[in-house]
Amino acid sequence: MGDLSKDFSRSEFQCKCGCGFDTVDAELLKVVQDVRDHYHARTTINSACRCLEHNRSVGSTDTSQHPKAKAADITVRGVSPARVHHYLVQKYPDKYGIGNYADFTHVDVRSDRARW
């Protein structure tokens, strides 16, 4: 049980550097909850909120959606990142940023559409 939704807690979204940044965009929360509900499997938030310093330290740009609390890198137990990516692209064909990586799927709720 989570304190933000039925499956997610604020602590799962907080910046990994320990700075305390833990804001979560409500639309992002709905999307990751949708993934969890669709697969009926544990969905792990590998990285979500990032302060600018931490974002830079992991090699990301200042224009990333992570410092805006609008992005999450996720894994779903027993489901390949490619399958999660495919699901998100099919479910949300005209919006969001959705990226496919070897070890995780990136999703962000930017106002325009981006795919990689």
C-alpha atoms as a PDB file:
ATOM      1  CA  MET A   1       0.000   0.000   0.000  1.00  0.00           C
ATOM      2  CA  GLY A   2       1.293   3.403  -0.898  1.00  0.00           C
ATOM      3  CA  ASP A   3       0.694   6.870   0.439  1.00  0.00           C
ATOM      4  CA  LEU A   4       0.333   8.406  -3.052  1.00  0.00           C
ATOM      5  CA  SER A   5      -1.679   5.696  -4.786  1.00  0.00           C
ATOM      6  CA  LYS A   6      -2.707   2.155  -4.015  1.00  0.00           C
ATOM      7  CA  ASP A   7       0.773   0.863  -4.941  1.00  0.00           C
ATOM      8  CA  PHE A   8       3.214   3.776  -4.753  1.00  0.00           C
ATOM      9  CA  SER A   9       4.718   5.821  -1.952  1.00  0.00           C
ATOM     10  CA  ARG A  10       6.362   9.227  -2.134  1.00  0.00           C
ATOM     11  CA  SER A  11       9.665   7.748  -0.940  1.00  0.00           C
ATOM     12  CA  GLU A  12       9.924   5.690  -4.145  1.00  0.00           C
ATOM     13  CA  PHE A  13      10.038   8.881  -6.223  1.00  0.00           C
ATOM     14  CA  GLN A  14      12.497  10.903  -4.129  1.00  0.00           C
ATOM     15  CA  CYS A  15      15.877  12.055  -5.393  1.00  0.00           C
ATOM     16  CA  LYS A  16      18.515   9.381  -4.815  1.00  0.00           C
ATOM     17  CA  CYS A  17      21.124  11.886  -3.570  1.00  0.00           C
ATOM     18  CA  GLY A  18      19.285  12.316  -0.272  1.00  0.00           C
ATOM     19  CA  CYS A  19      18.513  16.021  -0.745  1.00  0.00           C
ATOM     20  CA  GLY A  20      14.841  15.492   0.131  1.00  0.00           C
ATOM     21  CA  PHE A  21      13.353  16.441  -3.258  1.00  0.00           C
ATOM     22  CA  ASP A  22      10.293  14.185  -3.538  1.00  0.00           C
ATOM     23  CA  THR A  23       7.681  15.981  -5.623  1.00  0.00           C
ATOM     24  CA  VAL A  24       5.616  13.766  -7.933  1.00  0.00           C
ATOM     25  CA  ASP A  25       3.565  15.022 -10.858  1.00  0.00           C
ATOM     26  CA  ALA A  26       0.000  13.685 -10.513  1.00  0.00           C
ATOM     27  CA  GLU A  27      -0.187  12.716 -14.189  1.00  0.00           C
ATOM     28  CA  LEU A  28       3.084  10.761 -13.929  1.00  0.00           C
ATOM     29  CA  LEU A  29       1.711   8.913 -10.920  1.00  0.00           C
ATOM     30  CA  LYS A  30      -1.363   7.930 -12.950  1.00  0.00           C
ATOM     31  CA  VAL A  31       0.807   6.590 -15.780  1.00  0.00           C
ATOM     32  CA  VAL A  32       3.047   4.430 -13.570  1.00  0.00           C
ATOM     33  CA  GLN A  33      -0.014   3.180 -11.671  1.00  0.00           C
ATOM     34  CA  ASP A  34      -1.551   2.292 -15.046  1.00  0.00           C
ATOM     35  CA  VAL A  35       1.550   0.225 -15.902  1.00  0.00           C
ATOM     36  CA  ARG A  36       1.367  -1.528 -12.530  1.00  0.00           C
ATOM     37  CA  ASP A  37      -2.326  -2.282 -12.982  1.00  0.00           C
ATOM     38  CA  HIS A  38      -1.883  -3.472 -16.568  1.00  0.00           C
ATOM     39  CA  TYR A  39       0.840  -6.011 -15.758  1.00  0.00           C
ATOM     40  CA  HIS A  40      -0.318  -6.932 -12.232  1.00  0.00           C
ATOM     41  CA  ALA A  41       3.361  -7.016 -11.306  1.00  0.00           C
ATOM     42  CA  ARG A  42       5.689  -5.085  -9.034  1.00  0.00           C
ATOM     43  CA  THR A  43       6.736  -1.891 -10.754  1.00  0.00           C
ATOM     44  CA  THR A  44       9.927  -0.358  -9.428  1.00  0.00           C
ATOM     45  CA  ILE A  45      10.740   3.322  -9.704  1.00  0.00           C
ATOM     46  CA  ASN A  46      14.486   3.258 -10.403  1.00  0.00           C
ATOM     47  CA  SER A  47      14.800   7.022 -10.712  1.00  0.00           C
ATOM     48  CA  ALA A  48      12.201   9.785 -10.670  1.00  0.00           C
ATOM     49  CA  CYS A  49      12.719  13.169  -8.988  1.00  0.00           C
ATOM     50  CA  ARG A  50      16.227  14.499  -9.372  1.00  0.00           C
ATOM     51  CA  CYS A  51      17.583  17.753  -8.079  1.00  0.00           C
ATOM     52  CA  LEU A  52      19.659  19.542 -10.718  1.00  0.00           C
ATOM     53  CA  GLU A  53      22.934  18.570  -9.035  1.00  0.00           C
ATOM     54  CA  HIS A  54      22.057  14.869  -8.988  1.00  0.00           C
ATOM     55  CA  ASN A  55      20.655  15.063 -12.504  1.00  0.00           C
ATOM     56  CA  ARG A  56      23.969  16.472 -13.738  1.00  0.00           C
ATOM     57  CA  SER A  57      25.939  13.860 -11.769  1.00  0.00           C
ATOM     58  CA  VAL A  58      24.175  11.044 -13.650  1.00  0.00           C
ATOM     59  CA  GLY A  59      24.991  12.679 -16.981  1.00  0.00           C
ATOM     60  CA  SER A  60      21.593  14.136 -17.793  1.00  0.00           C
ATOM     61  CA  THR A  61      20.831  17.612 -19.103  1.00  0.00           C
ATOM     62  CA  ASP A  62      19.198  20.508 -17.298  1.00  0.00           C
ATOM     63  CA  THR A  63      16.258  20.215 -19.705  1.00  0.00           C
ATOM     64  CA  SER A  64      15.487  16.681 -18.497  1.00  0.00           C
ATOM     65  CA  GLN A  65      12.001  16.019 -17.165  1.00  0.00           C
ATOM     66  CA  HIS A  66      13.411  14.435 -13.980  1.00  0.00           C
ATOM     67  CA  PRO A  67      14.165  17.781 -12.217  1.00  0.00           C
ATOM     68  CA  LYS A  68      10.607  18.841 -13.050  1.00  0.00           C
ATOM     69  CA  ALA A  69       9.253  15.742 -11.240  1.00  0.00           C
ATOM     70  CA  LYS A  70       7.620  14.655 -14.503  1.00  0.00           C
ATOM     71  CA  ALA A  71       9.735  11.577 -15.307  1.00  0.00           C
ATOM     72  CA  ALA A  72      10.382   8.086 -14.015  1.00  0.00           C
ATOM     73  CA  ASP A  73      12.656   5.253 -15.087  1.00  0.00           C
ATOM     74  CA  ILE A  74      10.808   2.047 -14.280  1.00  0.00           C
ATOM     75  CA  THR A  75      11.120  -1.723 -14.368  1.00  0.00           C
ATOM     76  CA  VAL A  76       8.303  -4.234 -14.155  1.00  0.00           C
ATOM     77  CA  ARG A  77       9.048  -7.600 -12.575  1.00  0.00           C
ATOM     78  CA  GLY A  78       8.988 -10.334 -15.212  1.00  0.00           C
ATOM     79  CA  VAL A  79       8.392  -7.941 -18.122  1.00  0.00           C
ATOM     80  CA  SER A  80      11.093  -6.734 -20.506  1.00  0.00           C
ATOM     81  CA  PRO A  81      11.646  -2.991 -20.861  1.00  0.00           C
ATOM     82  CA  ALA A  82      10.868  -3.380 -24.582  1.00  0.00           C
ATOM     83  CA  ARG A  83       7.417  -4.791 -23.752  1.00  0.00           C
ATOM     84  CA  VAL A  84       6.720  -1.994 -21.287  1.00  0.00           C
ATOM     85  CA  HIS A  85       7.846   0.546 -23.897  1.00  0.00           C
ATOM     86  CA  HIS A  86       5.554  -1.038 -26.487  1.00  0.00           C
ATOM     87  CA  TYR A  87       2.598  -0.953 -24.094  1.00  0.00           C
ATOM     88  CA  LEU A  88       3.139   2.724 -23.271  1.00  0.00           C
ATOM     89  CA  VAL A  89       3.556   3.715 -26.931  1.00  0.00           C
ATOM     90  CA  GLN A  90       0.328   1.913 -27.819  1.00  0.00           C
ATOM     91  CA  LYS A  91      -1.593   3.279 -24.833  1.00  0.00           C
ATOM     92  CA  TYR A  92      -0.371   6.870 -25.232  1.00  0.00           C
ATOM     93  CA  PRO A  93       0.357   7.266 -28.968  1.00  0.00           C
ATOM     94  CA  ASP A  94       0.130  11.043 -29.130  1.00  0.00           C
ATOM     95  CA  LYS A  95       1.724  12.238 -25.922  1.00  0.00           C
ATOM     96  CA  TYR A  96       4.501  11.837 -23.379  1.00  0.00           C
ATOM     97  CA  GLY A  97       8.166  10.997 -23.625  1.00  0.00           C
ATOM     98  CA  ILE A  98       8.750   7.249 -23.756  1.00  0.00           C
ATOM     99  CA  GLY A  99      12.218   5.752 -23.989  1.00  0.00           C
ATOM    100  CA  ASN A 100      13.394   2.162 -24.310  1.00  0.00           C
ATOM    101  CA  TYR A 101      16.647   1.199 -22.572  1.00  0.00           C
ATOM    102  CA  ALA A 102      18.240  -2.187 -21.973  1.00  0.00           C
ATOM    103  CA  ASP A 103      17.472  -2.219 -18.240  1.00  0.00           C
ATOM    104  CA  PHE A 104      14.470   0.087 -17.825  1.00  0.00           C
ATOM    105  CA  THR A 105      11.748   2.093 -19.522  1.00  0.00           C
ATOM    106  CA  HIS A 106      11.669   5.869 -19.270  1.00  0.00           C
ATOM    107  CA  VAL A 107       8.322   7.657 -19.176  1.00  0.00           C
ATOM    108  CA  ASP A 108       7.694  11.349 -18.736  1.00  0.00           C
ATOM    109  CA  VAL A 109       4.588  13.473 -18.962  1.00  0.00           C
ATOM    110  CA  ARG A 110       5.971  16.348 -21.012  1.00  0.00           C
ATOM    111  CA  SER A 111       3.425  18.352 -22.972  1.00  0.00           C
ATOM    112  CA  ASP A 112       4.640  17.131 -26.369  1.00  0.00           C
ATOM    113  CA  ARG A 113       5.391  13.678 -27.797  1.00  0.00           C
ATOM    114  CA  ALA A 114       8.890  12.131 -27.861  1.00  0.00           C
ATOM    115  CA  ARG A 115      10.063   8.581 -28.567  1.00  0.00           C
ATOM    116  CA  TRP A 116      13.394   6.823 -28.341  1.00  0.00           C
END
